[in-house]
Protein backbone atom coordinates (compact mmCIF):
# COMPACT_ATOMS: atom_id res chain seq x y z
CA MET A 1 -122.30 -134.20 57.61
CA TYR A 2 -125.12 -136.67 57.10
CA THR A 3 -126.96 -136.98 60.37
CA GLN A 4 -130.14 -138.84 59.61
CA THR A 5 -130.72 -142.28 60.98
CA ALA A 6 -129.83 -145.23 58.84
CA SER A 7 -133.18 -146.94 59.19
CA HIS A 8 -134.53 -148.53 56.01
CA ASP A 9 -137.40 -150.29 57.79
CA ASP A 10 -139.95 -148.54 55.64
CA HIS A 11 -138.13 -149.41 52.44
CA HIS A 12 -139.76 -152.22 50.51
CA THR A 13 -137.12 -154.74 49.48
CA PRO A 14 -138.19 -156.88 46.51
CA THR A 15 -137.37 -160.54 46.37
CA GLY A 16 -136.52 -163.06 43.62
CA TRP A 17 -135.55 -161.65 40.23
CA LYS A 18 -137.14 -158.29 41.15
CA ARG A 19 -134.53 -157.88 43.89
CA TRP A 20 -131.90 -157.59 41.17
CA ALA A 21 -133.85 -155.95 38.37
CA TYR A 22 -135.37 -153.18 40.53
CA SER A 23 -132.72 -153.00 43.26
CA THR A 24 -131.84 -149.70 44.84
CA ASN A 25 -129.52 -151.36 47.36
CA HIS A 26 -125.99 -150.25 46.59
CA LYS A 27 -124.58 -153.61 47.65
CA ASP A 28 -126.81 -155.60 45.29
CA ILE A 29 -125.96 -153.20 42.49
CA GLY A 30 -122.26 -153.55 43.34
CA THR A 31 -122.60 -157.33 43.17
CA MET A 32 -124.27 -157.07 39.75
CA TYR A 33 -121.42 -154.83 38.55
CA LEU A 34 -118.86 -157.41 39.71
CA ILE A 35 -120.69 -160.32 38.06
CA PHE A 36 -121.12 -158.31 34.88
CA ALA A 37 -117.39 -157.45 34.92
CA ILE A 38 -116.45 -161.14 35.29
CA VAL A 39 -118.77 -162.16 32.41
CA ALA A 40 -117.38 -159.37 30.20
CA GLY A 41 -113.86 -160.38 31.22
CA VAL A 42 -114.54 -163.96 30.08
CA ILE A 43 -115.76 -162.68 26.68
CA GLY A 44 -112.81 -160.30 26.32
CA THR A 45 -110.35 -163.03 27.32
CA ALA A 46 -111.90 -165.44 24.77
CA PHE A 47 -111.26 -162.79 22.09
CA SER A 48 -107.62 -162.51 23.15
CA VAL A 49 -107.22 -166.31 23.15
CA LEU A 50 -108.44 -166.43 19.54
CA MET A 51 -106.02 -163.65 18.64
CA ARG A 52 -103.11 -165.41 20.29
CA MET A 53 -104.00 -168.73 18.59
CA GLU A 54 -103.94 -166.98 15.24
CA LEU A 55 -100.55 -165.45 16.02
CA MET A 56 -99.25 -168.88 17.07
CA HIS A 57 -100.38 -170.48 13.80
CA PRO A 58 -100.04 -167.77 11.14
CA GLY A 59 -101.52 -168.10 7.69
CA ASP A 60 -104.84 -169.77 7.21
CA GLY A 61 -104.94 -170.80 10.85
CA ILE A 62 -107.72 -170.80 13.42
CA LEU A 63 -109.49 -167.84 11.78
CA GLY A 64 -109.49 -169.52 8.35
CA GLY A 65 -107.72 -166.65 6.66
CA ASN A 66 -110.37 -164.10 7.65
CA TYR A 67 -108.00 -161.38 8.71
CA HIS A 68 -110.72 -158.76 9.12
CA LEU A 69 -112.10 -161.01 11.87
CA TYR A 70 -108.71 -160.68 13.55
CA ASN A 71 -109.13 -156.88 13.53
CA VAL A 72 -112.65 -157.27 14.90
CA LEU A 73 -111.28 -159.38 17.78
CA VAL A 74 -108.59 -156.75 18.48
CA THR A 75 -111.24 -154.02 18.61
CA GLY A 76 -113.72 -156.00 20.67
CA HIS A 77 -111.08 -157.14 23.15
CA GLY A 78 -109.86 -153.60 23.81
CA LEU A 79 -113.32 -152.05 24.20
CA ILE A 80 -114.71 -154.87 26.35
CA MET A 81 -111.82 -155.12 28.73
CA ILE A 82 -111.63 -151.35 29.35
CA PHE A 83 -115.24 -150.27 29.31
CA PHE A 84 -116.98 -153.44 30.44
CA MET A 85 -114.51 -155.24 32.67
CA VAL A 86 -112.00 -153.07 34.51
CA MET A 87 -114.13 -149.92 34.93
CA PRO A 88 -117.32 -151.73 36.08
CA ALA A 89 -115.27 -153.85 38.52
CA MET A 90 -113.24 -151.01 40.03
CA ILE A 91 -115.79 -148.19 40.09
CA GLY A 92 -119.17 -149.81 39.77
CA GLY A 93 -118.40 -152.96 41.75
CA PHE A 94 -116.10 -152.06 44.62
CA GLY A 95 -117.08 -148.41 44.53
CA ASN A 96 -120.78 -149.19 44.90
CA TRP A 97 -120.25 -151.90 47.47
CA PHE A 98 -117.88 -150.18 49.83
CA VAL A 99 -117.71 -146.42 49.42
CA PRO A 100 -121.12 -145.78 51.09
CA ILE A 101 -120.19 -148.10 53.99
CA MET A 102 -116.70 -146.63 54.27
CA ILE A 103 -118.14 -143.14 54.80
CA GLY A 104 -120.89 -144.40 57.07
CA ALA A 105 -123.78 -143.76 54.67
CA PRO A 106 -126.89 -146.00 54.49
CA ASP A 107 -126.85 -146.01 50.66
CA MET A 108 -125.88 -143.98 47.64
CA ALA A 109 -127.37 -140.51 47.29
CA PHE A 110 -129.48 -141.46 44.28
CA PRO A 111 -130.41 -145.14 44.55
CA ARG A 112 -132.70 -145.27 41.51
CA MET A 113 -130.13 -143.50 39.34
CA ASN A 114 -127.65 -146.11 40.61
CA ASN A 115 -129.91 -148.84 39.25
CA ILE A 116 -130.21 -147.11 35.89
CA SER A 117 -126.48 -146.59 35.59
CA PHE A 118 -125.93 -150.33 35.92
CA TRP A 119 -128.64 -151.51 33.51
CA LEU A 120 -127.30 -149.27 30.76
CA LEU A 121 -124.18 -151.45 30.69
CA PRO A 122 -125.70 -154.81 29.67
CA VAL A 123 -127.53 -153.02 26.87
CA SER A 124 -124.32 -151.28 25.82
CA LEU A 125 -122.37 -154.59 25.77
CA THR A 126 -125.15 -156.28 23.80
CA LEU A 127 -124.94 -153.59 21.13
CA LEU A 128 -121.18 -154.03 20.91
CA ILE A 129 -121.51 -157.81 20.54
CA LEU A 130 -124.23 -157.39 17.92
CA SER A 131 -121.91 -155.12 15.92
CA ILE A 132 -119.73 -158.18 15.25
CA PHE A 133 -122.50 -159.81 13.22
CA VAL A 134 -123.65 -156.86 11.06
CA ASP A 135 -122.04 -155.34 7.98
CA GLY A 136 -118.82 -153.40 8.42
CA PRO A 137 -116.39 -153.02 5.50
CA PRO A 138 -117.62 -154.25 2.11
CA GLY A 139 -118.11 -157.99 2.21
CA GLN A 140 -117.21 -158.26 5.95
CA THR A 141 -118.97 -157.95 9.29
CA GLY A 142 -117.94 -156.25 12.52
CA VAL A 143 -115.87 -153.25 13.55
CA GLY A 144 -112.20 -153.59 12.70
CA GLY A 145 -110.85 -150.17 13.51
CA GLY A 146 -109.11 -150.90 16.84
CA TRP A 147 -110.36 -149.66 20.19
CA THR A 148 -109.30 -146.09 19.32
CA ILE A 149 -111.63 -146.15 16.22
CA TYR A 150 -109.51 -143.59 14.30
CA PRO A 151 -110.89 -142.15 11.08
CA PRO A 152 -110.60 -142.60 8.15
CA LEU A 153 -110.72 -146.31 8.97
CA SER A 154 -113.86 -145.73 11.06
CA SER A 155 -115.38 -143.33 8.52
CA LYS A 156 -118.06 -144.14 5.97
CA ALA A 157 -115.40 -144.83 3.37
CA GLY A 158 -113.51 -147.21 5.61
CA GLN A 159 -116.46 -149.08 7.18
CA PRO A 160 -119.68 -148.18 5.36
CA GLY A 161 -121.88 -150.74 7.15
CA PRO A 162 -123.89 -150.13 10.33
CA ALA A 163 -121.45 -152.07 12.60
CA MET A 164 -119.51 -148.95 13.43
CA ASP A 165 -122.72 -147.05 14.21
CA LEU A 166 -123.73 -149.75 16.64
CA ALA A 167 -120.33 -149.56 18.34
CA ILE A 168 -120.64 -145.76 18.63
CA LEU A 169 -124.06 -146.11 20.22
CA SER A 170 -122.66 -148.72 22.56
CA LEU A 171 -119.95 -146.32 23.72
CA HIS A 172 -122.56 -143.57 24.19
CA LEU A 173 -124.57 -145.77 26.54
CA ALA A 174 -121.46 -146.86 28.46
CA GLY A 175 -120.43 -143.22 28.80
CA ALA A 176 -123.89 -142.20 30.05
CA SER A 177 -123.71 -144.97 32.62
CA SER A 178 -120.35 -143.69 33.84
CA ILE A 179 -121.47 -140.05 34.01
CA LEU A 180 -124.56 -140.97 36.05
CA GLY A 181 -122.36 -143.02 38.39
CA ALA A 182 -119.88 -140.16 38.72
CA VAL A 183 -122.57 -137.68 39.73
CA ASN A 184 -123.85 -140.19 42.26
CA PHE A 185 -120.44 -140.81 43.84
CA ILE A 186 -119.57 -137.11 44.09
CA THR A 187 -122.91 -136.31 45.73
CA THR A 188 -122.67 -139.27 48.11
CA ILE A 189 -119.12 -138.60 49.29
CA LEU A 190 -119.52 -134.86 49.70
CA ASN A 191 -122.93 -134.90 51.37
CA MET A 192 -123.55 -138.21 53.11
CA ARG A 193 -120.53 -138.78 55.38
CA THR A 194 -121.42 -139.91 58.86
CA PRO A 195 -120.75 -137.61 61.90
CA GLY A 196 -117.03 -137.32 62.52
CA MET A 197 -116.11 -138.55 59.02
CA THR A 198 -114.10 -135.59 57.70
CA LEU A 199 -112.53 -135.82 54.31
CA HIS A 200 -109.15 -136.58 55.85
CA LYS A 201 -110.58 -139.46 57.85
CA MET A 202 -111.82 -141.24 54.71
CA PRO A 203 -109.95 -144.32 53.48
CA LEU A 204 -107.83 -143.69 50.43
CA PHE A 205 -110.12 -145.80 48.31
CA ALA A 206 -112.99 -143.34 48.94
CA TRP A 207 -110.64 -140.50 48.01
CA SER A 208 -109.62 -142.25 44.80
CA ILE A 209 -113.27 -142.81 43.78
CA LEU A 210 -114.05 -139.12 44.44
CA VAL A 211 -111.23 -137.90 42.16
CA THR A 212 -112.04 -140.57 39.57
CA ALA A 213 -115.66 -139.42 39.46
CA PHE A 214 -114.49 -135.88 38.61
CA LEU A 215 -112.25 -137.31 35.85
CA LEU A 216 -115.22 -139.20 34.38
CA LEU A 217 -117.41 -136.09 34.56
CA LEU A 218 -114.84 -133.92 32.75
CA SER A 219 -113.43 -136.33 30.15
CA LEU A 220 -116.29 -138.51 28.99
CA PRO A 221 -118.31 -135.61 27.40
CA VAL A 222 -115.28 -134.95 25.16
CA LEU A 223 -115.32 -138.56 23.94
CA ALA A 224 -119.08 -138.32 23.50
CA GLY A 225 -118.61 -135.21 21.37
CA ALA A 226 -115.91 -136.90 19.26
CA ILE A 227 -117.92 -140.02 18.50
CA THR A 228 -121.05 -137.92 17.84
CA MET A 229 -119.05 -135.90 15.27
CA LEU A 230 -117.91 -139.21 13.78
CA LEU A 231 -121.49 -140.41 13.68
CA THR A 232 -122.67 -137.30 11.83
CA ASP A 233 -119.75 -137.60 9.39
CA ARG A 234 -120.89 -141.13 8.65
CA ASN A 235 -124.63 -140.52 8.34
CA PHE A 236 -125.45 -136.80 7.87
CA GLY A 237 -122.82 -135.45 5.49
CA THR A 238 -120.74 -133.39 7.94
CA ALA A 239 -116.97 -133.15 7.49
CA PHE A 240 -115.36 -132.91 10.91
CA PHE A 241 -112.84 -135.65 10.18
CA GLU A 242 -113.14 -136.04 6.37
CA ALA A 243 -109.87 -134.70 4.96
CA GLN A 244 -111.12 -134.61 1.35
CA THR A 245 -113.86 -132.15 2.31
CA GLY A 246 -111.85 -129.96 4.61
CA GLY A 247 -112.01 -131.94 7.86
CA ASP A 248 -109.08 -133.13 9.95
CA PRO A 249 -108.75 -136.76 11.10
CA VAL A 250 -106.02 -135.74 13.53
CA LEU A 251 -108.65 -133.68 15.37
CA PHE A 252 -110.32 -136.98 16.34
CA GLN A 253 -107.04 -138.18 17.82
CA HIS A 254 -106.81 -135.07 19.98
CA LEU A 255 -110.37 -135.43 21.20
CA PHE A 256 -110.04 -139.13 21.78
CA TRP A 257 -106.84 -138.91 23.78
CA PHE A 258 -108.08 -135.95 25.79
CA PHE A 259 -110.45 -138.60 27.15
CA GLY A 260 -108.08 -141.51 26.64
CA HIS A 261 -105.30 -140.52 28.95
CA PRO A 262 -107.52 -139.49 31.87
CA GLU A 263 -109.09 -142.92 31.20
CA VAL A 264 -105.79 -144.49 32.21
CA TYR A 265 -106.09 -142.86 35.62
CA ILE A 266 -109.85 -143.56 35.76
CA VAL A 267 -108.68 -147.16 35.97
CA ALA A 268 -105.46 -146.55 37.92
CA LEU A 269 -106.70 -144.26 40.71
CA PRO A 270 -109.24 -146.75 42.18
CA ALA A 271 -106.47 -149.36 41.99
CA PHE A 272 -104.17 -147.00 43.94
CA GLY A 273 -106.83 -146.53 46.61
CA ILE A 274 -107.56 -150.25 46.98
CA VAL A 275 -103.86 -151.17 47.16
CA SER A 276 -103.25 -148.51 49.80
CA ASP A 277 -105.98 -150.04 51.98
CA LEU A 278 -104.85 -153.63 51.36
CA ILE A 279 -101.20 -152.98 52.09
CA SER A 280 -101.96 -151.10 55.31
CA VAL A 281 -104.30 -153.83 56.58
CA HIS A 282 -102.14 -156.81 55.68
CA ALA A 283 -98.89 -155.21 56.78
CA ARG A 284 -100.53 -154.15 60.09
CA LYS A 285 -99.09 -150.68 59.71
CA ASN A 286 -100.46 -147.16 59.21
CA ILE A 287 -100.32 -145.98 55.63
CA PHE A 288 -97.18 -143.86 55.19
CA GLY A 289 -97.83 -140.23 54.30
CA TYR A 290 -101.60 -140.23 54.18
CA ARG A 291 -101.96 -136.52 53.25
CA MET A 292 -99.24 -136.85 50.64
CA MET A 293 -101.12 -139.82 49.15
CA VAL A 294 -104.33 -137.74 49.02
CA TRP A 295 -102.58 -134.84 47.31
CA ALA A 296 -100.85 -137.23 44.93
CA ILE A 297 -104.23 -138.59 43.85
CA ILE A 298 -105.55 -135.06 43.27
CA ILE A 299 -102.44 -133.92 41.39
CA ILE A 300 -102.38 -137.01 39.19
CA GLY A 301 -106.02 -136.41 38.34
CA ALA A 302 -105.36 -132.79 37.39
CA LEU A 303 -102.22 -133.50 35.37
CA SER A 304 -103.87 -136.35 33.47
CA PHE A 305 -105.59 -133.72 31.31
CA VAL A 306 -102.36 -132.19 29.98
CA VAL A 307 -100.41 -135.26 28.77
CA TRP A 308 -102.71 -136.69 26.08
CA ALA A 309 -100.63 -135.92 23.00
CA HIS A 310 -97.76 -138.22 24.01
CA HIS A 311 -99.95 -140.81 22.23
CA MET A 312 -99.61 -138.78 19.01
CA TYR A 313 -95.89 -138.20 18.46
CA VAL A 314 -96.07 -139.85 15.01
CA SER A 315 -99.11 -137.80 13.91
CA GLY A 316 -96.97 -135.01 12.47
CA MET A 317 -97.38 -132.53 15.34
CA ASN A 318 -95.11 -129.55 15.81
CA PRO A 319 -91.90 -130.66 17.64
CA TYR A 320 -92.38 -127.89 20.24
CA PHE A 321 -95.84 -129.32 20.90
CA GLY A 322 -94.23 -132.73 21.45
CA PHE A 323 -91.68 -131.21 23.82
CA PHE A 324 -94.48 -129.79 25.99
CA PHE A 325 -96.25 -133.12 26.29
CA ALA A 326 -93.04 -135.00 26.92
CA THR A 327 -92.33 -132.59 29.78
CA THR A 328 -95.80 -132.92 31.32
CA THR A 329 -95.49 -136.72 31.03
CA LEU A 330 -92.31 -136.67 33.10
CA ILE A 331 -93.96 -134.31 35.63
CA ILE A 332 -96.92 -136.63 36.19
CA ALA A 333 -94.45 -139.39 36.96
CA VAL A 334 -93.47 -137.50 40.15
CA PRO A 335 -96.70 -137.88 42.18
CA THR A 336 -97.05 -141.39 40.78
CA ALA A 337 -93.58 -142.32 42.02
CA LEU A 338 -94.44 -140.69 45.35
CA LYS A 339 -97.26 -143.15 45.80
CA VAL A 340 -94.94 -146.07 45.03
CA TYR A 341 -92.41 -144.80 47.58
CA ASN A 342 -95.14 -144.47 50.20
CA TRP A 343 -96.38 -148.01 49.57
CA VAL A 344 -92.85 -149.37 49.93
CA LEU A 345 -92.32 -147.38 53.11
CA THR A 346 -95.64 -148.69 54.46
CA LEU A 347 -94.32 -152.20 53.90
CA TRP A 348 -90.94 -151.33 55.44
CA GLN A 349 -90.68 -152.92 58.86
CA GLY A 350 -94.35 -153.78 58.80
CA ASN A 351 -95.75 -157.00 60.23
CA ILE A 352 -96.41 -158.33 56.73
CA HIS A 353 -98.94 -161.16 56.45
CA LEU A 354 -98.59 -162.87 53.07
CA THR A 355 -102.30 -163.37 52.61
CA ILE A 356 -103.78 -163.72 49.14
CA PRO A 357 -104.79 -159.99 49.04
CA MET A 358 -101.26 -158.98 50.08
CA LEU A 359 -99.68 -161.22 47.43
CA PHE A 360 -101.81 -159.59 44.74
CA SER A 361 -100.98 -156.14 46.12
CA ILE A 362 -97.22 -156.83 45.91
CA ALA A 363 -97.74 -158.21 42.40
CA PHE A 364 -99.51 -154.95 41.48
CA LEU A 365 -96.53 -152.94 42.72
CA LEU A 366 -94.09 -154.98 40.62
CA PHE A 367 -96.19 -154.78 37.44
CA PHE A 368 -96.96 -151.11 37.91
CA ILE A 369 -93.30 -150.22 38.48
CA ASN A 370 -92.28 -152.22 35.38
CA GLY A 371 -95.04 -150.63 33.28
CA GLY A 372 -94.31 -147.18 34.64
CA MET A 373 -90.63 -147.42 33.73
CA THR A 374 -91.46 -148.33 30.12
CA GLY A 375 -93.92 -145.45 30.13
CA LEU A 376 -91.00 -143.07 30.69
CA PHE A 377 -89.44 -144.40 27.48
CA LEU A 378 -92.63 -143.95 25.49
CA GLY A 379 -93.23 -140.51 27.01
CA ASN A 380 -89.95 -139.29 25.50
CA ALA A 381 -90.67 -138.22 21.93
CA SER A 382 -87.28 -139.23 20.47
CA VAL A 383 -87.44 -142.71 22.00
CA SER A 384 -91.11 -143.19 21.38
CA MET A 385 -90.97 -142.57 17.63
CA PRO A 386 -89.23 -145.84 16.64
CA LEU A 387 -91.24 -147.80 19.23
CA SER A 388 -94.64 -146.48 18.16
CA ASP A 389 -97.09 -149.11 16.93
CA THR A 390 -94.88 -151.98 18.00
CA LEU A 391 -95.49 -154.72 20.55
CA PHE A 392 -93.45 -152.61 22.99
CA VAL A 393 -96.47 -150.28 23.26
CA VAL A 394 -98.78 -153.28 23.74
CA ALA A 395 -96.55 -154.62 26.52
CA HIS A 396 -96.39 -151.24 28.30
CA PHE A 397 -100.12 -150.62 27.94
CA HIS A 398 -101.05 -154.05 29.30
CA MET A 399 -98.60 -153.85 32.19
CA VAL A 400 -100.14 -150.55 33.37
CA MET A 401 -103.72 -150.70 32.14
CA ALA A 402 -104.50 -154.44 32.21
CA VAL A 403 -102.33 -156.67 34.34
CA ALA A 404 -101.70 -154.24 37.20
CA PRO A 405 -105.41 -153.31 37.62
CA VAL A 406 -106.46 -156.96 37.26
CA MET A 407 -104.06 -157.85 40.06
CA VAL A 408 -105.84 -155.25 42.18
CA VAL A 409 -109.31 -156.51 41.18
CA CYS A 410 -108.33 -160.06 42.21
CA GLY A 411 -106.74 -158.90 45.45
CA ALA A 412 -109.79 -156.78 46.28
CA ILE A 413 -112.16 -159.69 45.62
CA TYR A 414 -110.18 -161.94 47.93
CA HIS A 415 -109.95 -159.14 50.54
CA TRP A 416 -113.64 -158.30 50.61
CA TYR A 417 -115.02 -161.74 49.66
CA PRO A 418 -115.73 -162.66 53.32
CA LYS A 419 -117.69 -159.39 53.72
CA ILE A 420 -119.59 -159.74 50.47
CA THR A 421 -120.57 -163.40 50.87
CA GLY A 422 -120.05 -164.15 54.58
CA ARG A 423 -117.86 -167.09 53.59
CA TRP A 424 -114.18 -167.95 53.04
CA TYR A 425 -112.75 -168.84 49.67
CA HIS A 426 -110.62 -171.96 49.12
CA GLU A 427 -107.05 -170.99 50.10
CA GLY A 428 -105.34 -173.60 47.90
CA MET A 429 -107.16 -172.61 44.71
CA ALA A 430 -106.55 -168.95 45.50
CA ARG A 431 -102.79 -169.48 45.84
CA PHE A 432 -102.73 -171.53 42.62
CA HIS A 433 -104.61 -168.69 40.90
CA PHE A 434 -102.15 -166.10 42.19
CA TRP A 435 -98.91 -167.84 41.26
CA VAL A 436 -100.00 -168.95 37.79
CA THR A 437 -101.42 -165.50 37.03
CA PHE A 438 -98.34 -163.68 38.40
CA VAL A 439 -95.67 -165.78 36.70
CA GLY A 440 -97.72 -166.33 33.55
CA SER A 441 -98.41 -162.61 33.06
CA TYR A 442 -94.71 -161.89 33.15
CA LEU A 443 -94.09 -164.66 30.62
CA VAL A 444 -96.68 -163.06 28.36
CA PHE A 445 -95.67 -159.39 28.49
CA LEU A 446 -91.94 -159.26 29.22
CA PRO A 447 -91.06 -160.96 25.91
CA MET A 448 -93.33 -158.48 24.11
CA HIS A 449 -90.90 -155.70 25.04
CA TYR A 450 -88.16 -157.63 23.29
CA LEU A 451 -90.32 -158.21 20.21
CA GLY A 452 -91.23 -154.53 20.14
CA ILE A 453 -87.60 -153.44 20.22
CA MET A 454 -86.98 -155.86 17.32
CA GLY A 455 -89.69 -154.00 15.38
CA VAL A 456 -92.59 -156.44 15.51
CA PRO A 457 -95.69 -154.32 14.71
CA ARG A 458 -98.85 -154.47 16.79
CA ARG A 459 -102.28 -155.39 15.36
CA TYR A 460 -100.66 -157.60 12.69
CA PHE A 461 -102.11 -161.07 12.32
CA GLU A 462 -98.87 -162.49 10.95
CA ILE A 463 -95.18 -161.64 11.26
CA THR A 464 -93.61 -164.50 9.25
CA GLY A 465 -91.95 -163.91 5.93
CA THR A 466 -90.52 -160.51 6.83
CA SER A 467 -86.95 -159.68 5.95
CA PHE A 468 -86.11 -157.61 9.04
CA LEU A 469 -87.31 -160.09 11.66
CA PRO A 470 -85.45 -163.30 12.55
CA ASP A 471 -87.29 -166.63 12.78
CA SER A 472 -86.84 -166.50 16.56
CA ALA A 473 -89.44 -163.74 16.71
CA GLN A 474 -92.20 -166.18 15.76
CA THR A 475 -90.83 -168.69 18.30
CA VAL A 476 -91.09 -166.05 21.03
CA ASN A 477 -94.59 -165.17 19.78
CA ALA A 478 -95.67 -168.83 20.04
CA SER A 479 -94.27 -169.08 23.61
CA ILE A 480 -96.31 -165.99 24.58
CA THR A 481 -99.43 -167.72 23.33
CA ILE A 482 -98.74 -170.84 25.46
CA ALA A 483 -98.24 -168.66 28.55
CA ALA A 484 -101.45 -166.75 27.80
CA LEU A 485 -103.45 -169.96 27.56
CA VAL A 486 -102.12 -171.09 30.96
CA VAL A 487 -103.03 -167.73 32.51
CA GLY A 488 -106.52 -168.02 30.99
CA PHE A 489 -106.97 -171.47 32.56
CA ALA A 490 -106.03 -170.00 36.00
CA GLN A 491 -108.89 -167.51 35.65
CA LEU A 492 -111.35 -170.39 35.22
CA VAL A 493 -110.07 -171.83 38.52
CA PHE A 494 -110.58 -168.38 40.06
CA ILE A 495 -114.18 -168.17 38.88
CA TYR A 496 -114.91 -171.72 40.07
CA ASN A 497 -113.45 -170.87 43.48
CA LEU A 498 -115.72 -167.83 43.79
CA ILE A 499 -118.86 -169.79 42.88
CA PHE A 500 -118.02 -172.90 44.90
CA SER A 501 -116.99 -170.96 48.00
CA ALA A 502 -120.11 -168.77 47.95
CA MET A 503 -122.16 -171.97 48.30
CA LYS A 504 -119.91 -174.31 50.29
CA GLY A 505 -117.21 -172.13 51.89
CA LYS A 506 -116.65 -171.89 55.62
CA LYS A 507 -118.49 -169.12 57.45
CA ALA A 508 -116.35 -165.99 57.85
CA PRO A 509 -116.34 -163.61 60.81
CA GLY A 510 -117.42 -160.01 60.39
CA ASN A 511 -113.87 -158.60 60.56
CA PRO A 512 -111.51 -161.44 59.63
CA TRP A 513 -108.56 -159.13 58.81
CA ASN A 514 -108.87 -157.01 61.97
CA ALA A 515 -109.28 -153.90 59.81
CA THR A 516 -110.20 -150.43 61.05
CA SER A 517 -112.42 -148.89 58.35
CA LEU A 518 -116.21 -148.83 58.74
CA GLU A 519 -117.10 -151.52 56.20
CA TRP A 520 -115.72 -154.07 58.67
CA GLN A 521 -117.66 -152.68 61.62
CA THR A 522 -121.19 -153.49 60.48
CA GLU A 523 -123.39 -155.57 62.73
CA HIS A 524 -124.19 -158.17 60.07
CA THR A 525 -122.07 -159.95 57.45
CA PRO A 526 -123.03 -159.37 54.66
CA PRO A 527 -124.43 -155.99 55.76
CA GLN A 528 -128.19 -155.60 55.64
CA HIS A 529 -130.01 -152.90 53.70
CA GLY A 530 -129.13 -149.63 55.45
CA ASN A 531 -125.70 -150.99 56.46
CA PHE A 532 -125.65 -149.88 60.12
CA GLY A 533 -129.13 -150.50 61.48
CA LYS A 534 -131.14 -147.64 63.01
CA GLU A 535 -128.20 -145.41 63.98
CA LEU A 536 -125.25 -144.28 61.91
CA PRO A 537 -121.80 -144.80 63.43
CA CYS A 538 -119.81 -141.89 64.80
CA VAL A 539 -116.22 -141.62 63.61
CA TYR A 540 -113.43 -140.60 65.94
CA ARG A 541 -110.28 -141.76 64.12
CA TRP A 542 -108.69 -141.93 60.71
CA ALA A 543 -108.82 -145.16 58.72
CA TYR A 544 -105.38 -146.53 59.50
CA ASP A 545 -104.92 -146.96 63.26
CA PHE A 546 -102.68 -150.04 63.34
CA SER A 547 -100.10 -151.19 65.88
CA VAL A 548 -100.86 -148.36 68.31
CA PRO A 549 -98.43 -148.59 71.31
CA GLY A 550 -100.06 -149.46 74.62
CA MET A 551 -103.28 -150.92 73.16
CA GLU A 552 -104.49 -154.48 73.68
CA ASP A 553 -105.11 -155.09 69.99
CA ASP A 554 -102.94 -154.04 67.07
CA PHE A 555 -105.85 -152.12 65.49
CA ILE A 556 -108.46 -149.56 66.58
CA PRO A 557 -111.67 -149.25 64.47
CA GLN A 558 -112.68 -145.80 63.33
CA ASN A 559 -115.85 -145.87 65.43
CA VAL A 560 -114.05 -146.59 68.76
CA PRO A 561 -113.90 -143.36 70.79
CA PRO A 562 -110.75 -142.16 72.56
CA ARG A 563 -110.83 -142.79 76.29
CA THR A 564 -111.23 -139.10 77.04
CA SER A 565 -113.70 -138.21 74.30
CA THR A 566 -117.46 -138.34 73.89
CA PRO A 567 -119.48 -138.80 70.69
CA GLU A 568 -120.69 -135.22 70.96
CA ALA A 569 -117.11 -133.95 70.92
CA ALA A 570 -116.30 -135.89 67.76
CA SER A 571 -119.20 -134.51 65.81
């Protein structure tokens, strides 16, 4: 246990722009991650709007017939939203802000490394944006290989210009940032917990970040190796993936998806942890099956490394190989379903408060269940084959990997906004944001399942003029675009609400939700550098003491001792 005092009185805190550029305060760094994620999300959403406008008006529409630019937008949208929006928000933003406080630590274990891990990201995003404007394929600019960057399309023959090299360097820097962050989180959680804070007294969000950090540490080096091999194929004459000189492009797929499927859970596990905390707080009920939830997180993390090839059923793999991965895919659904059951049972007979965070948590459950069910279809090799590379895959992927996590990000922002800023957001704008986003997202992605079953391919800029698709397919496609534009407008209202409320919102109390975990027990709101003043808190309870019979309040904070205990006994 970490037993030093939390005093940071001797720590020089810079002011002005230096506060942010040189910050070693985990809360400031978390805020920068969140702002960066929002900016990247705006860029990625703008790319998707352009894509949808092109699909709505096929032919020489909004992109002027430059269909390579469409492929560049597809690639940029995928890479930005995954590596620069969802991951920085979930892990870098909320992880940095709240994991140290949740475990009673004054800061992260390596504050300067924390600063470096953030500043690698803006450089990485800049390189990716620059790649759009430099030579790619002959006569074109930008990377058009999709976010998976499969060779031979990403090879020297497919894209001889330096755009792909810039994108590879961008991914290297983003990966380095994540690895540094993972080492920092593991060290912090295992070594800096406050007295009394055992592993099984940690909130589930802290558990999810711990397991996610191990996933990052084990999977990202494989991606780094794959794109380094691709880089040497392109520039130094090696032949790892060049089929004409003895290489194997399918090898890249194996290496990519060995990272790629754990990446799904790198995004999903923090979402699971946040939703667990939000549901418990806003239902005023202890989380159901805490230890089962912990073990489910660990088992999901472990199994995520043995399911990767269900993305590769159409690559020509041995059918017995496919059978193995179909089986492991069904097995990993078990602990995932267990978590869903436990969330539902936590809600069952709870004193549910339909706050904005709770609404987004329920929305996450619905989207995740829908996306998970379609995942069972795609995990089955015989069903997946005809659905591969259709909009059905896009719909499933976005339900699980995009919409569901974004619902959690929004819910978490609304939940912790009073703690981060010390002010309340505008309730009316928040409810408008929720309902438009919730209904609009269904109107975008549910019809995509239908189009996918009809055979509409993904990554195609135009589906008109085909003999096997009825005219109604384009009508449905156009309606999806309209819904997407409405959802995009709701996000602008969301951003305005955050900025306006930070300046003009009503002052918020230190613990407005009557929550039990340590981030709500700090003396100041927002917490000062060091979080808890001169003395670290002592933990006596787990993180979910709600509705305890015989108590005056319906919650007991973790740092409130039992009537018969002393601090010495707890430590």
